[in-house]
C-alpha atoms as a PDB file:
ATOM      1  CA  MET A   1     -23.813  36.014  39.452  1.00  0.00           C
ATOM      2  CA  PRO A   2     -23.538  34.380  35.887  1.00  0.00           C
ATOM      3  CA  VAL A   3     -23.303  30.483  36.155  1.00  0.00           C
ATOM      4  CA  VAL A   4     -22.175  28.225  33.441  1.00  0.00           C
ATOM      5  CA  ARG A   5     -22.762  24.626  33.418  1.00  0.00           C
ATOM      6  CA  THR A   6     -20.930  21.883  31.346  1.00  0.00           C
ATOM      7  CA  GLY A   7     -23.771  19.655  32.072  1.00  0.00           C
ATOM      8  CA  PRO A   8     -22.798  15.759  32.051  1.00  0.00           C
ATOM      9  CA  VAL A   9     -19.422  14.925  29.844  1.00  0.00           C
ATOM     10  CA  ARG A  10     -16.777  12.548  29.695  1.00  0.00           C
ATOM     11  CA  VAL A  11     -13.708  13.581  31.776  1.00  0.00           C
ATOM     12  CA  SER A  12     -11.505  13.322  27.970  1.00  0.00           C
ATOM     13  CA  GLY A  13     -14.048  16.297  26.409  1.00  0.00           C
ATOM     14  CA  TYR A  14     -14.376  18.565  29.525  1.00  0.00           C
ATOM     15  CA  ALA A  15     -12.040  21.469  28.364  1.00  0.00           C
ATOM     16  CA  ILE A  16     -13.305  21.880  25.423  1.00  0.00           C
ATOM     17  CA  LYS A  17     -17.229  21.819  26.616  1.00  0.00           C
ATOM     18  CA  LEU A  18     -15.865  23.927  29.606  1.00  0.00           C
ATOM     19  CA  ARG A  19     -14.302  26.651  27.087  1.00  0.00           C
ATOM     20  CA  ARG A  20     -17.161  26.718  24.740  1.00  0.00           C
ATOM     21  CA  VAL A  21     -20.244  27.328  27.553  1.00  0.00           C
ATOM     22  CA  VAL A  22     -17.981  29.969  29.071  1.00  0.00           C
ATOM     23  CA  ASN A  23     -17.409  31.766  25.576  1.00  0.00           C
ATOM     24  CA  ALA A  24     -21.080  31.522  24.436  1.00  0.00           C
ATOM     25  CA  SER A  25     -21.787  32.805  27.763  1.00  0.00           C
ATOM     26  CA  LEU A  26     -19.375  36.004  26.966  1.00  0.00           C
ATOM     27  CA  ARG A  27     -20.352  35.836  23.177  1.00  0.00           C
ATOM     28  CA  PRO A  28     -22.681  39.735  24.110  1.00  0.00           C
ATOM     29  CA  LEU A  29     -19.219  41.007  25.923  1.00  0.00           C
ATOM     30  CA  TYR A  30     -17.061  40.085  23.620  1.00  0.00           C
ATOM     31  CA  ARG A  31     -18.744  41.612  20.689  1.00  0.00           C
ATOM     32  CA  GLU A  32     -19.482  44.824  22.480  1.00  0.00           C
ATOM     33  CA  LYS A  33     -15.718  44.727  23.229  1.00  0.00           C
ATOM     34  CA  LYS A  34     -16.468  45.145  26.548  1.00  0.00           C
ATOM     35  CA  ILE A  35     -14.472  41.935  27.786  1.00  0.00           C
ATOM     36  CA  SER A  36     -11.207  40.412  26.258  1.00  0.00           C
ATOM     37  CA  SER A  37     -11.867  36.376  24.371  1.00  0.00           C
ATOM     38  CA  ARG A  38      -7.850  36.126  25.002  1.00  0.00           C
ATOM     39  CA  GLU A  39      -7.704  36.729  28.188  1.00  0.00           C
ATOM     40  CA  VAL A  40     -11.388  35.080  29.115  1.00  0.00           C
ATOM     41  CA  ASN A  41      -9.372  31.688  27.228  1.00  0.00           C
ATOM     42  CA  THR A  42      -6.165  32.108  29.014  1.00  0.00           C
ATOM     43  CA  LYS A  43      -7.758  32.153  32.225  1.00  0.00           C
ATOM     44  CA  ILE A  44     -10.154  29.147  31.016  1.00  0.00           C
ATOM     45  CA  SER A  45      -7.024  27.273  29.829  1.00  0.00           C
ATOM     46  CA  GLU A  46      -5.513  27.922  33.875  1.00  0.00           C
ATOM     47  CA  ILE A  47      -8.874  26.646  34.763  1.00  0.00           C
ATOM     48  CA  ASN A  48      -8.490  23.432  32.932  1.00  0.00           C
ATOM     49  CA  THR A  49      -5.205  22.780  33.599  1.00  0.00           C
ATOM     50  CA  ALA A  50      -5.715  22.889  37.382  1.00  0.00           C
ATOM     51  CA  ILE A  51      -8.807  20.532  36.829  1.00  0.00           C
ATOM     52  CA  TYR A  52      -6.558  17.742  35.026  1.00  0.00           C
ATOM     53  CA  GLU A  53      -4.343  18.337  37.396  1.00  0.00           C
ATOM     54  CA  VAL A  54      -6.388  17.533  40.068  1.00  0.00           C
ATOM     55  CA  LEU A  55      -8.643  14.825  38.051  1.00  0.00           C
ATOM     56  CA  ILE A  56      -6.069  13.404  36.636  1.00  0.00           C
ATOM     57  CA  ASN A  57      -2.902  13.621  38.410  1.00  0.00           C
ATOM     58  CA  LYS A  58      -4.183  13.437  41.779  1.00  0.00           C
ATOM     59  CA  PHE A  59      -7.294  11.339  42.092  1.00  0.00           C
ATOM     60  CA  GLU A  60      -6.506   9.345  38.488  1.00  0.00           C
ATOM     61  CA  VAL A  61     -10.281   9.283  37.336  1.00  0.00           C
ATOM     62  CA  PRO A  62     -10.485   7.205  34.426  1.00  0.00           C
ATOM     63  CA  LYS A  63     -11.344   9.617  30.734  1.00  0.00           C
ATOM     64  CA  GLU A  64     -14.498   7.583  30.429  1.00  0.00           C
ATOM     65  CA  ALA A  65     -15.737   8.811  33.526  1.00  0.00           C
ATOM     66  CA  ILE A  66     -18.623  11.197  33.957  1.00  0.00           C
ATOM     67  CA  VAL A  67     -17.982  14.866  34.961  1.00  0.00           C
ATOM     68  CA  ASN A  68     -20.070  18.684  35.567  1.00  0.00           C
ATOM     69  CA  ILE A  69     -18.500  21.463  36.067  1.00  0.00           C
ATOM     70  CA  ILE A  70     -20.480  24.404  37.713  1.00  0.00           C
ATOM     71  CA  LEU A  71     -18.363  27.513  37.429  1.00  0.00           C
ATOM     72  CA  GLU A  72     -19.454  30.844  39.043  1.00  0.00           C
ATOM     73  CA  TYR A  73     -18.023  34.264  37.730  1.00  0.00           C
ATOM     74  CA  ASN A  74     -17.811  37.624  37.438  1.00  0.00           C
ATOM     75  CA  THR A  75     -16.995  40.335  34.772  1.00  0.00           C
ATOM     76  CA  GLY A  76     -16.817  43.687  36.416  1.00  0.00           C
ATOM     77  CA  GLY A  77     -14.205  45.992  35.241  1.00  0.00           C
ATOM     78  CA  GLY A  78     -13.755  44.221  31.713  1.00  0.00           C
ATOM     79  CA  GLU A  79     -12.234  41.088  33.751  1.00  0.00           C
ATOM     80  CA  PHE A  80     -13.198  37.809  33.788  1.00  0.00           C
ATOM     81  CA  ARG A  81     -13.413  36.523  37.810  1.00  0.00           C
ATOM     82  CA  VAL A  82     -14.156  32.620  38.771  1.00  0.00           C
ATOM     83  CA  LYS A  83     -16.006  33.632  42.391  1.00  0.00           C
ATOM     84  CA  ASP A  84     -16.830  30.012  42.647  1.00  0.00           C
ATOM     85  CA  ILE A  85     -16.302  26.206  40.736  1.00  0.00           C
ATOM     86  CA  LYS A  86     -17.525  22.562  41.472  1.00  0.00           C
ATOM     87  CA  ILE A  87     -17.306  19.764  39.599  1.00  0.00           C
ATOM     88  CA  GLU A  88     -19.636  16.757  39.637  1.00  0.00           C
ATOM     89  CA  VAL A  89     -17.396  12.950  39.223  1.00  0.00           C
ATOM     90  CA  TYR A  90     -20.649  10.452  38.362  1.00  0.00           C
ATOM     91  CA  ASP A  91     -19.715   7.062  39.046  1.00  0.00           C
ATOM     92  CA  LEU A  92     -21.063   3.842  37.948  1.00  0.00           C
ATOM     93  CA  ASN A  93     -22.926   2.097  40.074  1.00  0.00           C
ATOM     94  CA  GLU A  94     -22.443  -1.019  39.150  1.00  0.00           C
ATOM     95  CA  ILE A  95     -25.268  -3.211  41.779  1.00  0.00           C
ATOM     96  CA  LEU A  96     -27.821  -0.384  41.050  1.00  0.00           C
ATOM     97  CA  THR A  97     -27.342  -0.537  37.672  1.00  0.00           C
ATOM     98  CA  LYS A  98     -28.113  -4.010  37.650  1.00  0.00           C
ATOM     99  CA  ASN A  99     -31.238  -4.044  39.762  1.00  0.00           C
ATOM    100  CA  THR A 100     -32.987  -1.480  37.403  1.00  0.00           C
ATOM    101  CA  THR A 101     -31.750  -3.276  34.284  1.00  0.00           C
ATOM    102  CA  SER A 102     -33.038  -6.399  35.794  1.00  0.00           C
ATOM    103  CA  GLU A 103     -36.172  -4.821  37.300  1.00  0.00           C
ATOM    104  CA  VAL A 104     -36.695  -2.754  33.687  1.00  0.00           C
ATOM    105  CA  LYS A 105     -36.092  -5.879  31.713  1.00  0.00           C
ATOM    106  CA  LYS A 106     -39.174  -7.845  34.019  1.00  0.00           C
ATOM    107  CA  LEU A 107     -41.841  -5.285  33.595  1.00  0.00           C
ATOM    108  CA  LEU A 108     -41.209  -4.976  29.854  1.00  0.00           C
ATOM    109  CA  LEU A 109     -41.665  -8.791  29.507  1.00  0.00           C
ATOM    110  CA  LYS A 110     -44.761  -8.513  31.710  1.00  0.00           C
ATOM    111  CA  LYS A 111     -45.806  -6.452  28.544  1.00  0.00           C
ATOM    112  CA  LYS A 112     -46.426  -8.850  25.732  1.00  0.00           C
ATOM    113  CA  GLY A 113     -42.487  -9.472  25.455  1.00  0.00           C
ATOM    114  CA  ILE A 114     -40.910  -5.863  24.730  1.00  0.00           C
ATOM    115  CA  ALA A 115     -37.670  -7.428  25.841  1.00  0.00           C
ATOM    116  CA  ASN A 116     -36.383 -10.352  26.249  1.00  0.00           C
ATOM    117  CA  GLY A 117     -34.386 -11.965  28.791  1.00  0.00           C
END
């Protein structure tokens, strides 16, 4: 079953990215007229609306947050059907960020002052 991934993208841009990756994966079927791009894009709009409802309205995920959307679909019978969806939300870990930044700077300083304190 085909799977598309947006890759890491800001919440503010997930809808466009999801539409692009789905349409890119279905382009050969559009050319052969095996599936309707209009119907697919209507379903993608419904998916994007549902994602927005959950991410923004329900969980109040900031628009600067990073998400990765993984969509498994089927195109049997000339229809676009979503079989599974997974939304990965990445959150900034302040402690890990501070510690890794500090350690990298220490290592770089040892290498003839590549990074200044």
